[in-house]
Protein backbone atom coordinates (compact mmCIF):
# COMPACT_ATOMS: atom_id res chain seq x y z
CA MET A 1 -55.20 26.99 45.71
CA ALA A 2 -55.41 24.90 42.56
CA ARG A 3 -58.91 24.49 41.14
CA ASN A 4 -58.03 21.17 39.56
CA ARG A 5 -59.02 19.02 42.52
CA ARG A 6 -61.38 16.15 41.88
CA ILE A 7 -64.04 17.66 44.14
CA ASP A 8 -63.95 20.89 42.14
CA ARG A 9 -64.25 19.00 38.85
CA ALA A 10 -67.12 16.96 40.30
CA GLU A 11 -68.98 20.14 41.22
CA ARG A 12 -68.42 21.72 37.80
CA GLU A 13 -69.08 18.62 35.67
CA PRO A 14 -70.63 15.81 37.71
CA ASP A 15 -70.58 12.43 35.99
CA LEU A 16 -73.70 10.39 35.28
CA GLY A 17 -73.43 8.46 38.56
CA MET A 18 -73.20 11.67 40.56
CA LEU A 19 -76.16 13.19 38.73
CA ALA A 20 -78.23 10.04 39.26
CA ALA A 21 -77.38 10.04 42.97
CA ARG A 22 -78.25 13.72 43.29
CA LEU A 23 -81.67 12.89 41.87
CA LEU A 24 -82.23 9.62 43.75
CA TRP A 25 -81.10 10.57 47.27
CA PRO A 26 -83.48 13.48 47.86
CA VAL A 27 -86.37 11.53 46.33
CA GLU A 28 -85.65 8.56 48.60
CA GLU A 29 -85.14 10.79 51.64
CA GLU A 30 -88.49 12.54 51.18
CA LEU A 31 -90.36 9.38 50.20
CA PHE A 32 -89.26 7.35 53.21
CA ALA A 33 -89.65 10.24 55.66
CA ARG A 34 -93.21 10.80 54.48
CA LEU A 35 -93.94 7.06 54.52
CA ALA A 36 -92.82 7.01 58.15
CA GLU A 37 -95.35 9.76 58.88
CA CYS A 38 -98.04 7.51 57.34
CA GLY A 39 -97.22 4.59 59.63
CA HIS A 40 -94.56 2.87 57.52
CA ALA A 41 -91.46 3.80 59.50
CA HIS A 42 -89.69 0.46 58.98
CA VAL A 43 -89.76 0.48 55.18
CA ARG A 44 -86.36 1.20 53.64
CA PRO A 45 -85.20 1.73 50.06
CA ARG A 46 -84.23 -1.96 49.76
CA HIS A 47 -87.85 -2.84 50.59
CA GLY A 48 -89.28 -0.24 48.23
CA ALA A 49 -87.21 -1.66 45.39
CA LEU A 50 -89.27 -4.88 45.65
CA LEU A 51 -92.59 -3.47 46.86
CA ALA A 52 -92.81 -1.45 43.66
CA TYR A 53 -93.29 -4.69 41.67
CA LEU A 54 -95.74 -6.53 43.94
CA ASP A 55 -99.51 -6.78 43.71
CA GLU A 56 -102.31 -9.12 44.72
CA THR A 57 -101.74 -11.53 41.83
CA GLY A 58 -98.19 -12.27 42.93
CA VAL A 59 -94.79 -12.62 41.36
CA ARG A 60 -92.13 -15.29 41.71
CA PRO A 61 -88.98 -14.36 43.63
CA THR A 62 -86.86 -15.35 40.62
CA GLU A 63 -88.80 -12.83 38.50
CA LEU A 64 -88.19 -10.13 41.13
CA ALA A 65 -84.48 -10.93 41.01
CA ARG A 66 -84.47 -10.66 37.21
CA ILE A 67 -86.44 -7.40 37.10
CA THR A 68 -84.43 -5.69 39.82
CA GLY A 69 -81.04 -7.06 38.79
CA GLN A 70 -80.46 -8.40 42.31
CA HIS A 71 -79.15 -11.84 43.25
CA LYS A 72 -81.82 -14.33 44.26
CA GLN A 73 -80.26 -14.57 47.73
CA VAL A 74 -80.53 -10.80 48.23
CA VAL A 75 -84.14 -10.81 47.06
CA GLY A 76 -84.86 -13.72 49.41
CA ARG A 77 -83.45 -11.84 52.42
CA VAL A 78 -85.42 -8.69 51.61
CA LEU A 79 -88.59 -10.75 51.11
CA ASP A 80 -87.99 -12.32 54.53
CA GLU A 81 -87.86 -8.80 55.98
CA LEU A 82 -91.03 -7.76 54.14
CA GLU A 83 -92.83 -10.80 55.50
CA ASP A 84 -91.58 -10.10 59.02
CA LEU A 85 -92.81 -6.50 58.71
CA GLY A 86 -96.20 -7.65 57.40
CA TYR A 87 -95.97 -6.15 53.90
CA ALA A 88 -95.84 -9.30 51.79
CA GLU A 89 -96.33 -13.02 52.02
CA ARG A 90 -95.27 -16.03 50.03
CA ARG A 91 -98.01 -18.34 48.75
CA PRO A 92 -97.90 -21.50 46.64
CA ASP A 93 -98.03 -20.76 42.91
CA PRO A 94 -101.25 -22.40 41.65
CA SER A 95 -99.64 -23.03 38.26
CA ASP A 96 -96.57 -24.75 39.78
CA ARG A 97 -96.78 -26.00 43.35
CA ARG A 98 -92.97 -26.17 43.57
CA SER A 99 -92.83 -22.39 43.20
CA LYS A 100 -93.95 -19.56 45.44
CA LEU A 101 -95.63 -16.29 44.58
CA VAL A 102 -94.99 -13.16 46.60
CA VAL A 103 -98.14 -11.12 47.15
CA LEU A 104 -98.91 -7.88 48.95
CA THR A 105 -100.74 -7.91 52.24
CA GLU A 106 -103.23 -5.23 53.27
CA ARG A 107 -100.34 -3.37 54.93
CA GLY A 108 -98.33 -3.68 51.74
CA ARG A 109 -101.19 -2.30 49.66
CA ASP A 110 -101.46 0.69 52.01
CA GLU A 111 -97.72 1.35 51.77
CA GLN A 112 -97.92 1.16 47.99
CA ALA A 113 -100.86 3.57 47.83
CA GLN A 114 -99.06 6.03 50.11
CA ALA A 115 -95.83 5.73 48.12
CA ASP A 116 -97.71 6.32 44.85
CA ARG A 117 -99.31 9.47 46.29
CA ILE A 118 -96.00 10.79 47.66
CA LEU A 119 -94.10 10.08 44.43
CA ALA A 120 -96.82 11.83 42.42
CA ASP A 121 -96.31 14.91 44.63
CA ILE A 122 -92.55 14.79 44.10
CA GLU A 123 -92.91 14.35 40.35
CA ALA A 124 -95.40 17.22 40.17
CA ARG A 125 -92.78 19.50 41.75
CA TYR A 126 -90.13 18.40 39.25
CA GLU A 127 -92.58 18.89 36.40
CA ALA A 128 -93.42 22.38 37.66
CA LYS A 129 -89.71 23.20 37.86
CA LEU A 130 -88.93 22.04 34.30
CA GLY A 131 -92.27 22.59 32.61
CA ALA A 132 -94.54 19.83 31.39
CA GLU A 133 -92.93 19.30 27.97
CA ARG A 134 -89.33 19.32 29.23
CA TYR A 135 -90.27 16.97 32.08
CA ARG A 136 -91.93 14.51 29.67
CA GLU A 137 -88.81 14.61 27.50
CA PHE A 138 -86.55 14.16 30.55
CA ARG A 139 -88.53 11.08 31.64
CA ALA A 140 -88.49 9.66 28.11
CA LEU A 141 -84.72 10.11 27.83
CA LEU A 142 -84.12 8.67 31.29
CA ARG A 143 -86.29 5.67 30.45
CA GLU A 144 -84.33 5.17 27.24
CA LEU A 145 -81.06 5.19 29.17
CA VAL A 146 -82.15 2.68 31.79
CA GLN A 147 -84.03 0.23 29.56
CA PRO A 148 -82.16 -3.04 29.21
CA ALA A 149 -80.43 -3.37 25.89
CA GLN A 150 -82.39 -5.41 23.38
CA ASP A 151 -80.85 -8.71 22.45
CA PRO A 152 -80.14 -8.40 18.69
CA HIS A 153 -80.90 -12.15 18.33
CA ARG A 154 -84.45 -11.76 19.69
CA SER A 155 -87.19 -10.29 17.57
């Protein structure tokens, strides 16, 4: 049988998207399984993508859309779900009453604390596997790859 099939090439030399997925999927799977064990069974990756940016001071939905690269409508739907689940709430922005701020609830703060603890465990395993120096370099390179490009017209 010919060894030039796409699946064979993908196993030998996975592209960047495949490598990123192979890193993300097991992290997500473990994170959300362990969150469920801590009483957060209804939180999904789409929720975590927004919860990661929330705190008690609040953030505008438009800022969440910008930071996450999601459409405002998508962010709005996920925020509706987070409110329904009791993780976040929208409050008037004291600096602009026309705007809303999204803030964490007590339940949201607990989810965030649990997620931070679980992710620290996962990262500690990856660091142990690669060694501290290689892991720091890996994170630095990954951060460099995913940082938005700087606008050459901005200083």
